[in-house]
C-alpha atoms as a PDB file:
ATOM      1  CA  MET A   1     -53.530  36.882  47.830  1.00  0.00           C
ATOM      2  CA  ASP A   2     -50.439  36.050  49.817  1.00  0.00           C
ATOM      3  CA  ALA A   3     -46.848  36.923  48.932  1.00  0.00           C
ATOM      4  CA  THR A   4     -46.104  33.518  47.423  1.00  0.00           C
ATOM      5  CA  GLN A   5     -48.911  33.702  44.852  1.00  0.00           C
ATOM      6  CA  LEU A   6     -47.875  37.245  43.950  1.00  0.00           C
ATOM      7  CA  ARG A   7     -44.300  36.123  43.237  1.00  0.00           C
ATOM      8  CA  ILE A   8     -45.540  33.303  40.982  1.00  0.00           C
ATOM      9  CA  ILE A   9     -47.753  35.671  38.984  1.00  0.00           C
ATOM     10  CA  LEU A  10     -44.920  38.162  38.553  1.00  0.00           C
ATOM     11  CA  LEU A  11     -42.529  35.364  37.484  1.00  0.00           C
ATOM     12  CA  ILE A  12     -44.959  34.092  34.826  1.00  0.00           C
ATOM     13  CA  ALA A  13     -45.589  37.617  33.531  1.00  0.00           C
ATOM     14  CA  GLY A  14     -41.871  38.226  33.324  1.00  0.00           C
ATOM     15  CA  LEU A  15     -41.303  35.038  31.330  1.00  0.00           C
ATOM     16  CA  VAL A  16     -44.104  35.953  28.919  1.00  0.00           C
ATOM     17  CA  LEU A  17     -42.606  39.422  28.431  1.00  0.00           C
ATOM     18  CA  ILE A  18     -39.119  38.025  27.792  1.00  0.00           C
ATOM     19  CA  ALA A  19     -40.500  35.551  25.272  1.00  0.00           C
ATOM     20  CA  ALA A  20     -42.408  38.297  23.449  1.00  0.00           C
ATOM     21  CA  ILE A  21     -39.347  40.503  23.271  1.00  0.00           C
ATOM     22  CA  TYR A  22     -37.219  37.568  21.945  1.00  0.00           C
ATOM     23  CA  PHE A  23     -39.590  36.462  19.180  1.00  0.00           C
ATOM     24  CA  LEU A  24     -40.920  39.861  18.122  1.00  0.00           C
ATOM     25  CA  GLY A  25     -37.732  41.838  18.453  1.00  0.00           C
ATOM     26  CA  ARG A  26     -35.430  39.648  16.308  1.00  0.00           C
ATOM     27  CA  PRO A  27     -34.580  40.991  12.809  1.00  0.00           C
ATOM     28  CA  LYS A  28     -36.151  38.897  10.079  1.00  0.00           C
ATOM     29  CA  LYS A  29     -33.818  36.829   7.895  1.00  0.00           C
ATOM     30  CA  PRO A  30     -35.774  35.260   5.079  1.00  0.00           C
ATOM     31  CA  ASP A  31     -33.134  32.662   4.239  1.00  0.00           C
ATOM     32  CA  GLN A  32     -32.244  31.885   7.849  1.00  0.00           C
ATOM     33  CA  GLY A  33     -32.650  28.221   8.676  1.00  0.00           C
ATOM     34  CA  ARG A  34     -32.433  27.143   5.024  1.00  0.00           C
ATOM     35  CA  ARG A  35     -29.368  25.411   3.669  1.00  0.00           C
ATOM     36  CA  SER A  36     -28.786  25.887   0.025  1.00  0.00           C
ATOM     37  CA  ALA A  37     -27.501  22.804  -1.724  1.00  0.00           C
ATOM     38  CA  ALA A  38     -23.774  23.108  -2.127  1.00  0.00           C
ATOM     39  CA  PRO A  39     -22.584  22.578  -5.689  1.00  0.00           C
ATOM     40  CA  ALA A  40     -21.058  19.180  -6.334  1.00  0.00           C
ATOM     41  CA  PRO A  41     -17.313  19.355  -6.252  1.00  0.00           C
ATOM     42  CA  LYS A  42     -15.799  19.483  -9.688  1.00  0.00           C
ATOM     43  CA  ARG A  43     -13.819  16.399 -10.659  1.00  0.00           C
ATOM     44  CA  SER A  44     -12.061  17.940 -13.584  1.00  0.00           C
ATOM     45  CA  GLY A  45      -8.860  18.082 -11.585  1.00  0.00           C
ATOM     46  CA  ALA A  46      -8.961  14.381 -10.697  1.00  0.00           C
ATOM     47  CA  ARG A  47      -6.265  12.345 -12.389  1.00  0.00           C
ATOM     48  CA  VAL A  48      -7.522   9.649 -14.726  1.00  0.00           C
ATOM     49  CA  GLU A  49      -4.922   7.109 -15.785  1.00  0.00           C
ATOM     50  CA  PRO A  50      -5.101   6.234 -19.508  1.00  0.00           C
ATOM     51  CA  THR A  51      -5.517   2.622 -20.512  1.00  0.00           C
ATOM     52  CA  LEU A  52      -2.716   0.772 -22.281  1.00  0.00           C
ATOM     53  CA  LYS A  53      -4.781   0.773 -25.451  1.00  0.00           C
ATOM     54  CA  GLU A  54      -5.125   4.576 -25.310  1.00  0.00           C
ATOM     55  CA  ILE A  55      -1.385   4.943 -24.692  1.00  0.00           C
ATOM     56  CA  ILE A  56      -0.483   2.796 -27.682  1.00  0.00           C
ATOM     57  CA  GLU A  57      -2.926   4.491 -30.037  1.00  0.00           C
ATOM     58  CA  ALA A  58      -1.909   7.986 -28.914  1.00  0.00           C
ATOM     59  CA  GLU A  59       1.797   7.301 -29.251  1.00  0.00           C
ATOM     60  CA  ALA A  60       1.330   5.477 -32.543  1.00  0.00           C
ATOM     61  CA  ALA A  61      -0.542   8.460 -33.980  1.00  0.00           C
ATOM     62  CA  GLU A  62       2.100  10.869 -32.688  1.00  0.00           C
ATOM     63  CA  HIS A  63       5.041   8.939 -34.141  1.00  0.00           C
ATOM     64  CA  ALA A  64       3.398   7.993 -37.424  1.00  0.00           C
ATOM     65  CA  GLN A  65       3.022  11.495 -38.844  1.00  0.00           C
ATOM     66  CA  GLY A  66       3.073  11.486 -42.597  1.00  0.00           C
ATOM     67  CA  ARG A  67       1.915   7.864 -42.723  1.00  0.00           C
ATOM     68  CA  ASP A  68      -1.424   6.185 -42.507  1.00  0.00           C
ATOM     69  CA  ASP A  69      -2.951   6.134 -39.029  1.00  0.00           C
ATOM     70  CA  PRO A  70      -2.391   2.578 -37.717  1.00  0.00           C
ATOM     71  CA  ARG A  71      -5.643   2.289 -35.816  1.00  0.00           C
ATOM     72  CA  ASP A  72      -6.855  -0.926 -37.346  1.00  0.00           C
ATOM     73  CA  VAL A  73      -3.921  -3.195 -36.623  1.00  0.00           C
ATOM     74  CA  GLN A  74      -5.851  -6.353 -37.474  1.00  0.00           C
ATOM     75  CA  ASP A  75      -6.407  -5.185 -41.051  1.00  0.00           C
ATOM     76  CA  GLU A  76      -2.713  -4.347 -41.276  1.00  0.00           C
ATOM     77  CA  LEU A  77      -1.773  -7.833 -40.092  1.00  0.00           C
ATOM     78  CA  GLU A  78      -4.042  -9.437 -42.661  1.00  0.00           C
ATOM     79  CA  LEU A  79      -2.417  -7.326 -45.364  1.00  0.00           C
ATOM     80  CA  ILE A  80       1.037  -8.367 -44.188  1.00  0.00           C
ATOM     81  CA  ASP A  81       0.033 -12.008 -44.049  1.00  0.00           C
ATOM     82  CA  ARG A  82      -1.381 -11.948 -47.558  1.00  0.00           C
ATOM     83  CA  SER A  83       1.910 -10.484 -48.700  1.00  0.00           C
ATOM     84  CA  LEU A  84       3.832 -13.169 -46.828  1.00  0.00           C
ATOM     85  CA  GLY A  85       2.163 -15.797 -48.918  1.00  0.00           C
ATOM     86  CA  ASP A  86       2.556 -14.214 -52.340  1.00  0.00           C
ATOM     87  CA  GLY A  87       5.601 -16.358 -53.095  1.00  0.00           C
ATOM     88  CA  GLU A  88       7.634 -13.431 -54.414  1.00  0.00           C
ATOM     89  CA  PRO A  89      11.077 -12.807 -52.877  1.00  0.00           C
ATOM     90  CA  ARG A  90      11.598  -9.364 -51.383  1.00  0.00           C
ATOM     91  CA  ALA A  91      14.726  -7.286 -51.331  1.00  0.00           C
ATOM     92  CA  ALA A  92      16.706  -7.692 -48.149  1.00  0.00           C
ATOM     93  CA  PRO A  93      18.992  -5.006 -46.703  1.00  0.00           C
ATOM     94  CA  GLY A  94      22.212  -4.786 -48.695  1.00  0.00           C
ATOM     95  CA  GLY A  95      20.549  -5.597 -51.998  1.00  0.00           C
ATOM     96  CA  GLY A  96      20.201  -9.364 -51.418  1.00  0.00           C
ATOM     97  CA  GLN A  97      17.096 -11.487 -51.571  1.00  0.00           C
ATOM     98  CA  SER A  98      15.579 -13.171 -48.537  1.00  0.00           C
ATOM     99  CA  GLY A  99      12.815 -15.733 -48.648  1.00  0.00           C
ATOM    100  CA  LEU A 100      13.136 -16.683 -44.981  1.00  0.00           C
ATOM    101  CA  GLY A 101       9.675 -16.619 -43.473  1.00  0.00           C
ATOM    102  CA  ALA A 102       7.725 -16.687 -46.758  1.00  0.00           C
ATOM    103  CA  ARG A 103       4.571 -18.757 -46.511  1.00  0.00           C
ATOM    104  CA  PRO A 104       4.420 -21.642 -48.992  1.00  0.00           C
ATOM    105  CA  GLN A 105       0.640 -21.281 -49.201  1.00  0.00           C
ATOM    106  CA  THR A 106      -1.739 -18.366 -48.922  1.00  0.00           C
ATOM    107  CA  ASP A 107      -4.853 -19.989 -47.480  1.00  0.00           C
ATOM    108  CA  TYR A 108      -5.555 -19.512 -43.778  1.00  0.00           C
ATOM    109  CA  ASP A 109      -8.666 -19.138 -41.666  1.00  0.00           C
ATOM    110  CA  ARG A 110      -7.433 -17.556 -38.446  1.00  0.00           C
ATOM    111  CA  ILE A 111      -4.851 -15.083 -37.155  1.00  0.00           C
ATOM    112  CA  VAL A 112      -3.688 -15.184 -33.524  1.00  0.00           C
ATOM    113  CA  THR A 113      -2.008 -12.008 -32.301  1.00  0.00           C
ATOM    114  CA  LEU A 114      -0.128 -10.664 -29.324  1.00  0.00           C
ATOM    115  CA  TYR A 115       1.394  -7.249 -28.763  1.00  0.00           C
ATOM    116  CA  ILE A 116       4.454  -5.977 -26.959  1.00  0.00           C
ATOM    117  CA  ALA A 117       3.894  -2.387 -25.888  1.00  0.00           C
ATOM    118  CA  ALA A 118       6.383   0.104 -24.528  1.00  0.00           C
ATOM    119  CA  ARG A 119       5.591   1.373 -21.076  1.00  0.00           C
ATOM    120  CA  ALA A 120       3.850   4.742 -20.749  1.00  0.00           C
ATOM    121  CA  GLY A 121       6.109   7.595 -21.790  1.00  0.00           C
ATOM    122  CA  HIS A 122       8.627   5.318 -23.507  1.00  0.00           C
ATOM    123  CA  LEU A 123       9.286   3.870 -26.960  1.00  0.00           C
ATOM    124  CA  LEU A 124      10.956   0.743 -28.280  1.00  0.00           C
ATOM    125  CA  HIS A 125      14.199   1.465 -30.125  1.00  0.00           C
ATOM    126  CA  GLY A 126      15.413  -0.287 -33.252  1.00  0.00           C
ATOM    127  CA  PRO A 127      18.798  -1.572 -32.028  1.00  0.00           C
ATOM    128  CA  ASP A 128      17.206  -2.979 -28.869  1.00  0.00           C
ATOM    129  CA  LEU A 129      14.548  -4.722 -30.950  1.00  0.00           C
ATOM    130  CA  VAL A 130      17.158  -6.411 -33.142  1.00  0.00           C
ATOM    131  CA  VAL A 131      19.145  -7.684 -30.156  1.00  0.00           C
ATOM    132  CA  ALA A 132      16.008  -8.900 -28.355  1.00  0.00           C
ATOM    133  CA  ALA A 133      14.733 -10.665 -31.488  1.00  0.00           C
ATOM    134  CA  GLU A 134      18.017 -12.483 -32.013  1.00  0.00           C
ATOM    135  CA  ARG A 135      18.205 -13.542 -28.371  1.00  0.00           C
ATOM    136  CA  ALA A 136      14.619 -14.821 -28.589  1.00  0.00           C
ATOM    137  CA  GLY A 137      15.463 -17.043 -31.558  1.00  0.00           C
ATOM    138  CA  LEU A 138      13.903 -14.967 -34.357  1.00  0.00           C
ATOM    139  CA  VAL A 139      15.379 -14.432 -37.805  1.00  0.00           C
ATOM    140  CA  TYR A 140      15.062 -11.389 -40.030  1.00  0.00           C
ATOM    141  CA  GLY A 141      13.713 -12.232 -43.451  1.00  0.00           C
ATOM    142  CA  HIS A 142      10.778 -12.033 -45.819  1.00  0.00           C
ATOM    143  CA  MET A 143       8.903  -8.719 -45.909  1.00  0.00           C
ATOM    144  CA  ASN A 144      11.692  -7.214 -43.743  1.00  0.00           C
ATOM    145  CA  ILE A 145      10.150  -8.482 -40.520  1.00  0.00           C
ATOM    146  CA  PHE A 146      11.159 -11.156 -37.998  1.00  0.00           C
ATOM    147  CA  HIS A 147      10.063 -14.805 -38.065  1.00  0.00           C
ATOM    148  CA  ARG A 148      10.231 -17.912 -35.925  1.00  0.00           C
ATOM    149  CA  LEU A 149      10.926 -20.842 -38.228  1.00  0.00           C
ATOM    150  CA  LEU A 150      10.416 -24.530 -37.664  1.00  0.00           C
ATOM    151  CA  ASP A 151      13.702 -26.073 -36.569  1.00  0.00           C
ATOM    152  CA  GLY A 152      15.253 -27.984 -39.461  1.00  0.00           C
ATOM    153  CA  HIS A 153      12.454 -27.055 -41.858  1.00  0.00           C
ATOM    154  CA  PRO A 154      12.660 -23.333 -42.722  1.00  0.00           C
ATOM    155  CA  GLU A 155      10.948 -24.047 -46.047  1.00  0.00           C
ATOM    156  CA  ALA A 156       7.735 -24.877 -44.141  1.00  0.00           C
ATOM    157  CA  GLY A 157       7.164 -21.197 -43.468  1.00  0.00           C
ATOM    158  CA  PRO A 158       6.989 -19.211 -40.241  1.00  0.00           C
ATOM    159  CA  VAL A 159       5.501 -20.573 -37.050  1.00  0.00           C
ATOM    160  CA  PHE A 160       4.797 -16.917 -36.280  1.00  0.00           C
ATOM    161  CA  SER A 161       6.115 -13.524 -37.335  1.00  0.00           C
ATOM    162  CA  VAL A 162       6.843 -10.200 -35.643  1.00  0.00           C
ATOM    163  CA  ALA A 163       6.037  -6.858 -37.272  1.00  0.00           C
ATOM    164  CA  ASN A 164       6.175  -3.197 -36.364  1.00  0.00           C
ATOM    165  CA  ILE A 165       2.870  -1.857 -35.041  1.00  0.00           C
ATOM    166  CA  LEU A 166       3.404   1.218 -37.218  1.00  0.00           C
ATOM    167  CA  GLN A 167       2.653   0.928 -40.909  1.00  0.00           C
ATOM    168  CA  PRO A 168       3.935  -0.469 -43.172  1.00  0.00           C
ATOM    169  CA  GLY A 169       4.869  -2.973 -40.467  1.00  0.00           C
ATOM    170  CA  SER A 170       8.462  -3.620 -41.554  1.00  0.00           C
ATOM    171  CA  PHE A 171      11.821  -2.949 -39.920  1.00  0.00           C
ATOM    172  CA  ASP A 172      14.129  -1.071 -42.273  1.00  0.00           C
ATOM    173  CA  MET A 173      17.628  -2.167 -41.292  1.00  0.00           C
ATOM    174  CA  ALA A 174      19.121   0.769 -43.185  1.00  0.00           C
ATOM    175  CA  GLN A 175      17.433   3.067 -40.651  1.00  0.00           C
ATOM    176  CA  ILE A 176      17.258   0.730 -37.668  1.00  0.00           C
ATOM    177  CA  GLN A 177      19.451   2.995 -35.529  1.00  0.00           C
ATOM    178  CA  THR A 178      16.806   5.719 -35.581  1.00  0.00           C
ATOM    179  CA  LEU A 179      13.720   3.504 -35.544  1.00  0.00           C
ATOM    180  CA  GLN A 180      11.300   4.143 -32.675  1.00  0.00           C
ATOM    181  CA  THR A 181       7.909   2.554 -32.171  1.00  0.00           C
ATOM    182  CA  PRO A 182       5.331   2.282 -29.377  1.00  0.00           C
ATOM    183  CA  GLY A 183       4.973  -1.443 -29.945  1.00  0.00           C
ATOM    184  CA  ILE A 184       5.392  -4.568 -32.043  1.00  0.00           C
ATOM    185  CA  THR A 185       2.967  -7.342 -32.877  1.00  0.00           C
ATOM    186  CA  PHE A 186       3.356 -11.108 -32.895  1.00  0.00           C
ATOM    187  CA  PHE A 187       1.040 -12.954 -35.243  1.00  0.00           C
ATOM    188  CA  MET A 188       0.593 -16.490 -36.492  1.00  0.00           C
ATOM    189  CA  THR A 189      -1.705 -17.595 -39.270  1.00  0.00           C
ATOM    190  CA  LEU A 190      -3.555 -20.893 -39.041  1.00  0.00           C
ATOM    191  CA  PRO A 191      -3.218 -23.512 -40.274  1.00  0.00           C
ATOM    192  CA  GLY A 192       0.558 -23.326 -40.054  1.00  0.00           C
ATOM    193  CA  PRO A 193       3.575 -25.616 -40.177  1.00  0.00           C
ATOM    194  CA  MET A 194       2.760 -27.129 -36.777  1.00  0.00           C
ATOM    195  CA  PRO A 195      -0.347 -27.663 -34.603  1.00  0.00           C
ATOM    196  CA  ALA A 196      -1.896 -24.427 -33.407  1.00  0.00           C
ATOM    197  CA  LEU A 197      -1.474 -25.173 -29.708  1.00  0.00           C
ATOM    198  CA  ASP A 198       2.204 -26.066 -30.173  1.00  0.00           C
ATOM    199  CA  ALA A 199       2.722 -22.850 -32.127  1.00  0.00           C
ATOM    200  CA  TRP A 200       1.081 -20.850 -29.344  1.00  0.00           C
ATOM    201  CA  ASP A 201       3.294 -22.541 -26.757  1.00  0.00           C
ATOM    202  CA  MET A 202       6.243 -21.328 -28.810  1.00  0.00           C
ATOM    203  CA  MET A 203       4.965 -17.805 -29.498  1.00  0.00           C
ATOM    204  CA  LEU A 204       3.893 -16.877 -25.958  1.00  0.00           C
ATOM    205  CA  PRO A 205       7.258 -17.547 -24.238  1.00  0.00           C
ATOM    206  CA  THR A 206       9.039 -15.731 -27.073  1.00  0.00           C
ATOM    207  CA  ALA A 207       6.821 -12.670 -26.600  1.00  0.00           C
ATOM    208  CA  GLN A 208       7.326 -12.788 -22.843  1.00  0.00           C
ATOM    209  CA  ARG A 209      11.079 -13.089 -23.269  1.00  0.00           C
ATOM    210  CA  MET A 210      11.249 -10.134 -25.648  1.00  0.00           C
ATOM    211  CA  ALA A 211       9.043  -8.058 -23.353  1.00  0.00           C
ATOM    212  CA  GLU A 212      11.430  -8.818 -20.506  1.00  0.00           C
ATOM    213  CA  LEU A 213      14.456  -7.821 -22.583  1.00  0.00           C
ATOM    214  CA  LEU A 214      12.774  -4.615 -23.744  1.00  0.00           C
ATOM    215  CA  ASP A 215      11.216  -3.730 -20.364  1.00  0.00           C
ATOM    216  CA  ALA A 216       7.828  -3.734 -22.059  1.00  0.00           C
ATOM    217  CA  VAL A 217       4.445  -5.393 -21.474  1.00  0.00           C
ATOM    218  CA  VAL A 218       2.630  -8.210 -23.291  1.00  0.00           C
ATOM    219  CA  LEU A 219      -0.931  -7.490 -24.423  1.00  0.00           C
ATOM    220  CA  ASP A 220      -3.617  -9.707 -25.930  1.00  0.00           C
ATOM    221  CA  GLU A 221      -5.357  -9.174 -29.264  1.00  0.00           C
ATOM    222  CA  GLU A 222      -7.595  -6.522 -27.683  1.00  0.00           C
ATOM    223  CA  ARG A 223      -4.489  -4.759 -26.358  1.00  0.00           C
ATOM    224  CA  ASN A 224      -5.352  -5.522 -22.758  1.00  0.00           C
ATOM    225  CA  ALA A 225      -2.871  -6.913 -20.245  1.00  0.00           C
ATOM    226  CA  LEU A 226      -2.428 -10.629 -20.900  1.00  0.00           C
ATOM    227  CA  GLY A 227      -3.427 -12.569 -17.788  1.00  0.00           C
ATOM    228  CA  ARG A 228      -3.597 -16.236 -16.866  1.00  0.00           C
ATOM    229  CA  GLN A 229      -7.308 -16.485 -17.521  1.00  0.00           C
ATOM    230  CA  ARG A 230      -6.947 -15.126 -21.043  1.00  0.00           C
ATOM    231  CA  ILE A 231      -4.001 -17.435 -21.723  1.00  0.00           C
ATOM    232  CA  ALA A 232      -6.020 -20.444 -20.600  1.00  0.00           C
ATOM    233  CA  HIS A 233      -8.922 -19.363 -22.809  1.00  0.00           C
ATOM    234  CA  ILE A 234      -6.676 -19.029 -25.872  1.00  0.00           C
ATOM    235  CA  ARG A 235      -5.191 -22.465 -25.221  1.00  0.00           C
ATOM    236  CA  ASP A 236      -8.687 -23.966 -25.056  1.00  0.00           C
ATOM    237  CA  GLU A 237      -9.630 -22.302 -28.343  1.00  0.00           C
ATOM    238  CA  LEU A 238      -6.505 -23.540 -30.106  1.00  0.00           C
ATOM    239  CA  ARG A 239      -6.936 -27.040 -28.717  1.00  0.00           C
ATOM    240  CA  ALA A 240     -10.428 -27.066 -30.189  1.00  0.00           C
ATOM    241  CA  TYR A 241      -9.035 -25.703 -33.463  1.00  0.00           C
ATOM    242  CA  ASP A 242      -6.520 -28.552 -33.643  1.00  0.00           C
ATOM    243  CA  ARG A 243      -9.242 -31.146 -33.026  1.00  0.00           C
ATOM    244  CA  LYS A 244     -11.288 -29.643 -35.823  1.00  0.00           C
ATOM    245  CA  GLN A 245      -8.310 -29.741 -38.188  1.00  0.00           C
ATOM    246  CA  GLU A 246      -7.651 -33.378 -37.321  1.00  0.00           C
ATOM    247  CA  LYS A 247     -11.224 -34.310 -38.199  1.00  0.00           C
ATOM    248  CA  LEU A 248     -11.014 -32.428 -41.507  1.00  0.00           C
ATOM    249  CA  HIS A 249      -7.873 -34.286 -42.512  1.00  0.00           C
ATOM    250  CA  GLN A 250      -8.854 -37.745 -41.349  1.00  0.00           C
ATOM    251  CA  PRO A 251      -9.004 -40.282 -44.184  1.00  0.00           C
ATOM    252  CA  PRO A 252     -12.553 -41.400 -45.004  1.00  0.00           C
ATOM    253  CA  ARG A 253     -13.763 -44.582 -43.324  1.00  0.00           C
ATOM    254  CA  TRP A 254     -14.920 -47.295 -45.636  1.00  0.00           C
END
């Protein structure tokens, strides 16, 4: 065996010895090499913005203490509308009587609604509401709420009316300086004194104008932001409603 072969044998033996020392001499760590699943980060601290509907309902409940909870606004509107058509004059502020906005008939088959909601963290104030209503062409009258009347024919009843979102829905002028509310509602009952689509084309700009004056937002009947698509859909529905009414009132053909 020459010197070269001896060196190779010694080198291999040395490597084997080093490997044995490395693998056998290390302290055992049972969990080494395993990664425990880290717990999912908690999201409880993440900020979740409330919807407009939640804002309105929360603020309405907070500012309606001592009164009925105004959660079902549609039922409230139907109650108001039935009262609007009862034909009985109601006391106006100052002890007078006001029949402005009273419906001459009580039968209707549809209610179309819009809402004006205060922005988050704010309320609508009574004096501002009165000024905005007057500038938008509304009159204060029957049931102590606001109405849009048919020009030249106030006896025909309201094209649409505006009520407080808080029960009982009225605006008490004796306490208007302290009145605060999270929102107001526009509603028109059909059939009315003019075609439904024409009434809508009068109600929508009025609501938008008041929202602008009050720095508020316009919502649809589901209390979602009113967008172009929803507006177009409502117009289509009311156009169909008008066609149906025309057919019902057509004289019979002989």
